[in-house]
Amino acid sequence: MFDLTAVPVHILAQEGGFANPLTWLPIVAILVLGYFMLIRPEQKKASDAQKMLEGIKKNDPVETIGGIIATVVSVKKDQQEVVLRLDDKSGTEMRVRMRAIATILSREGKTSDNAES
């Protein structure tokens, strides 16, 4: 049996332990790859959603995260709330948080360019 306690530490380091910079290369590569594949796209998505919410204005057709399609009646940016009209005939309105808006729809019912897909 080979006893490692009898071998000086500087000899173990020379044999290719963690002193060799190439041993850290795969770890660094995985971290960089993880950043560009996981973290950065989520930050971009969050930034796009924030820009979309800042651009909400009266009479915009929107879809909520619950799938409700409605028209914006008023925007209260200081309270982060939006009042939505659900039905034109009955005048039914609903007050929701701005973060509940999933997309801003165009007049034809399609998603606008600045909304998430």
C-alpha atoms as a PDB file:
ATOM      1  CA  MET A   1       0.000   0.000   0.000  1.00  0.00           C
ATOM      2  CA  PHE A   2       1.266   3.476  -0.877  1.00  0.00           C
ATOM      3  CA  ASP A   3       1.123   5.939   2.024  1.00  0.00           C
ATOM      4  CA  LEU A   4       0.431   9.539   0.918  1.00  0.00           C
ATOM      5  CA  THR A   5       1.316  10.948   4.316  1.00  0.00           C
ATOM      6  CA  ALA A   6       4.959  10.093   3.687  1.00  0.00           C
ATOM      7  CA  VAL A   7       5.053  12.171   0.438  1.00  0.00           C
ATOM      8  CA  PRO A   8       5.730  15.896   0.869  1.00  0.00           C
ATOM      9  CA  VAL A   9       2.940  18.236  -0.250  1.00  0.00           C
ATOM     10  CA  HIS A  10       5.048  20.058  -2.844  1.00  0.00           C
ATOM     11  CA  ILE A  11       5.659  16.750  -4.647  1.00  0.00           C
ATOM     12  CA  LEU A  12       1.894  16.033  -4.768  1.00  0.00           C
ATOM     13  CA  ALA A  13       1.297  19.488  -6.260  1.00  0.00           C
ATOM     14  CA  GLN A  14       3.869  18.824  -8.966  1.00  0.00           C
ATOM     15  CA  GLU A  15       2.155  15.589  -9.944  1.00  0.00           C
ATOM     16  CA  GLY A  16      -0.823  17.475 -11.401  1.00  0.00           C
ATOM     17  CA  GLY A  17      -3.065  18.321  -8.460  1.00  0.00           C
ATOM     18  CA  PHE A  18      -5.008  21.581  -8.464  1.00  0.00           C
ATOM     19  CA  ALA A  19      -1.865  23.607  -9.056  1.00  0.00           C
ATOM     20  CA  ASN A  20      -2.163  22.918 -12.791  1.00  0.00           C
ATOM     21  CA  PRO A  21      -4.326  25.643 -14.423  1.00  0.00           C
ATOM     22  CA  LEU A  22      -5.674  23.178 -16.982  1.00  0.00           C
ATOM     23  CA  THR A  23      -7.557  21.330 -14.240  1.00  0.00           C
ATOM     24  CA  TRP A  24      -9.718  24.443 -13.713  1.00  0.00           C
ATOM     25  CA  LEU A  25     -10.457  24.911 -17.423  1.00  0.00           C
ATOM     26  CA  PRO A  26     -13.477  22.537 -17.602  1.00  0.00           C
ATOM     27  CA  ILE A  27     -15.017  24.083 -14.487  1.00  0.00           C
ATOM     28  CA  VAL A  28     -14.587  27.616 -15.846  1.00  0.00           C
ATOM     29  CA  ALA A  29     -15.953  26.531 -19.243  1.00  0.00           C
ATOM     30  CA  ILE A  30     -19.061  25.014 -17.639  1.00  0.00           C
ATOM     31  CA  LEU A  31     -19.681  28.187 -15.610  1.00  0.00           C
ATOM     32  CA  VAL A  32     -19.314  30.431 -18.669  1.00  0.00           C
ATOM     33  CA  LEU A  33     -21.545  28.161 -20.740  1.00  0.00           C
ATOM     34  CA  GLY A  34     -24.144  28.093 -17.949  1.00  0.00           C
ATOM     35  CA  TYR A  35     -24.162  31.887 -17.807  1.00  0.00           C
ATOM     36  CA  PHE A  36     -24.764  32.266 -21.539  1.00  0.00           C
ATOM     37  CA  MET A  37     -27.341  29.474 -21.730  1.00  0.00           C
ATOM     38  CA  LEU A  38     -29.304  30.002 -18.506  1.00  0.00           C
ATOM     39  CA  ILE A  39     -28.749  33.318 -16.758  1.00  0.00           C
ATOM     40  CA  ARG A  40     -28.378  35.757 -19.648  1.00  0.00           C
ATOM     41  CA  PRO A  41     -31.537  34.687 -21.558  1.00  0.00           C
ATOM     42  CA  GLU A  42     -33.616  34.997 -18.374  1.00  0.00           C
ATOM     43  CA  GLN A  43     -32.254  38.493 -17.751  1.00  0.00           C
ATOM     44  CA  LYS A  44     -33.114  39.472 -21.327  1.00  0.00           C
ATOM     45  CA  LYS A  45     -36.616  38.046 -20.977  1.00  0.00           C
ATOM     46  CA  ALA A  46     -37.164  39.968 -17.734  1.00  0.00           C
ATOM     47  CA  SER A  47     -35.868  43.170 -19.347  1.00  0.00           C
ATOM     48  CA  ASP A  48     -38.195  42.746 -22.346  1.00  0.00           C
ATOM     49  CA  ALA A  49     -41.177  42.118 -20.056  1.00  0.00           C
ATOM     50  CA  GLN A  50     -40.350  45.244 -18.027  1.00  0.00           C
ATOM     51  CA  LYS A  51     -40.160  47.352 -21.208  1.00  0.00           C
ATOM     52  CA  MET A  52     -43.514  45.931 -22.349  1.00  0.00           C
ATOM     53  CA  LEU A  53     -45.163  46.789 -19.031  1.00  0.00           C
ATOM     54  CA  GLU A  54     -43.757  50.320 -19.104  1.00  0.00           C
ATOM     55  CA  GLY A  55     -45.326  50.789 -22.548  1.00  0.00           C
ATOM     56  CA  ILE A  56     -48.890  49.859 -21.542  1.00  0.00           C
ATOM     57  CA  LYS A  57     -51.356  52.632 -22.268  1.00  0.00           C
ATOM     58  CA  LYS A  58     -55.102  53.193 -22.351  1.00  0.00           C
ATOM     59  CA  ASN A  59     -57.109  51.204 -24.955  1.00  0.00           C
ATOM     60  CA  ASP A  60     -54.366  48.586 -25.455  1.00  0.00           C
ATOM     61  CA  PRO A  61     -55.782  45.085 -25.897  1.00  0.00           C
ATOM     62  CA  VAL A  62     -53.928  42.768 -23.484  1.00  0.00           C
ATOM     63  CA  GLU A  63     -53.872  39.150 -22.385  1.00  0.00           C
ATOM     64  CA  THR A  64     -53.302  38.288 -18.737  1.00  0.00           C
ATOM     65  CA  ILE A  65     -51.264  35.371 -17.445  1.00  0.00           C
ATOM     66  CA  GLY A  66     -54.586  33.671 -16.723  1.00  0.00           C
ATOM     67  CA  GLY A  67     -55.616  33.886 -20.380  1.00  0.00           C
ATOM     68  CA  ILE A  68     -58.161  36.699 -20.008  1.00  0.00           C
ATOM     69  CA  ILE A  69     -58.272  39.025 -23.008  1.00  0.00           C
ATOM     70  CA  ALA A  70     -59.336  42.555 -22.143  1.00  0.00           C
ATOM     71  CA  THR A  71     -58.804  46.235 -22.941  1.00  0.00           C
ATOM     72  CA  VAL A  72     -56.859  48.628 -20.710  1.00  0.00           C
ATOM     73  CA  VAL A  73     -59.088  51.323 -19.203  1.00  0.00           C
ATOM     74  CA  SER A  74     -56.491  53.018 -17.002  1.00  0.00           C
ATOM     75  CA  VAL A  75     -52.923  52.549 -15.818  1.00  0.00           C
ATOM     76  CA  LYS A  76     -51.777  53.411 -12.288  1.00  0.00           C
ATOM     77  CA  LYS A  77     -48.002  53.120 -12.564  1.00  0.00           C
ATOM     78  CA  ASP A  78     -47.380  54.337  -9.017  1.00  0.00           C
ATOM     79  CA  GLN A  79     -49.545  51.505  -7.637  1.00  0.00           C
ATOM     80  CA  GLN A  80     -48.444  49.014 -10.326  1.00  0.00           C
ATOM     81  CA  GLU A  81     -52.103  48.382 -11.228  1.00  0.00           C
ATOM     82  CA  VAL A  82     -54.105  48.290 -14.434  1.00  0.00           C
ATOM     83  CA  VAL A  83     -57.886  48.482 -14.792  1.00  0.00           C
ATOM     84  CA  LEU A  84     -59.144  46.206 -17.565  1.00  0.00           C
ATOM     85  CA  ARG A  85     -62.517  46.201 -19.350  1.00  0.00           C
ATOM     86  CA  LEU A  86     -63.606  42.614 -19.899  1.00  0.00           C
ATOM     87  CA  ASP A  87     -66.845  43.226 -21.764  1.00  0.00           C
ATOM     88  CA  ASP A  88     -67.895  46.318 -23.720  1.00  0.00           C
ATOM     89  CA  LYS A  89     -71.643  45.627 -23.489  1.00  0.00           C
ATOM     90  CA  SER A  90     -71.887  45.218 -19.723  1.00  0.00           C
ATOM     91  CA  GLY A  91     -68.891  47.438 -18.908  1.00  0.00           C
ATOM     92  CA  THR A  92     -67.393  44.792 -16.641  1.00  0.00           C
ATOM     93  CA  GLU A  93     -64.033  45.952 -15.319  1.00  0.00           C
ATOM     94  CA  MET A  94     -61.310  44.260 -13.345  1.00  0.00           C
ATOM     95  CA  ARG A  95     -58.315  45.695 -11.481  1.00  0.00           C
ATOM     96  CA  VAL A  96     -55.090  43.642 -11.747  1.00  0.00           C
ATOM     97  CA  ARG A  97     -51.400  44.068 -10.972  1.00  0.00           C
ATOM     98  CA  MET A  98     -49.226  45.062 -13.919  1.00  0.00           C
ATOM     99  CA  ARG A  99     -47.175  41.872 -13.559  1.00  0.00           C
ATOM    100  CA  ALA A 100     -50.352  39.906 -14.395  1.00  0.00           C
ATOM    101  CA  ILE A 101     -50.220  41.188 -17.985  1.00  0.00           C
ATOM    102  CA  ALA A 102     -48.628  38.530 -20.201  1.00  0.00           C
ATOM    103  CA  THR A 103     -48.763  40.262 -23.590  1.00  0.00           C
ATOM    104  CA  ILE A 104     -49.987  43.371 -25.332  1.00  0.00           C
ATOM    105  CA  LEU A 105     -52.085  42.325 -28.321  1.00  0.00           C
ATOM    106  CA  SER A 106     -52.424  44.223 -31.572  1.00  0.00           C
ATOM    107  CA  ARG A 107     -55.864  45.229 -32.808  1.00  0.00           C
ATOM    108  CA  GLU A 108     -56.095  41.999 -34.852  1.00  0.00           C
ATOM    109  CA  GLY A 109     -55.526  39.850 -31.751  1.00  0.00           C
ATOM    110  CA  LYS A 110     -51.922  38.984 -32.539  1.00  0.00           C
ATOM    111  CA  THR A 111     -49.006  39.571 -30.190  1.00  0.00           C
ATOM    112  CA  SER A 112     -47.199  42.876 -30.710  1.00  0.00           C
ATOM    113  CA  ASP A 113     -43.476  43.061 -31.444  1.00  0.00           C
ATOM    114  CA  ASN A 114     -42.371  44.133 -27.966  1.00  0.00           C
ATOM    115  CA  ALA A 115     -44.356  41.463 -26.115  1.00  0.00           C
ATOM    116  CA  GLU A 116     -43.037  38.055 -25.085  1.00  0.00           C
ATOM    117  CA  SER A 117     -43.678  35.079 -27.331  1.00  0.00           C
END
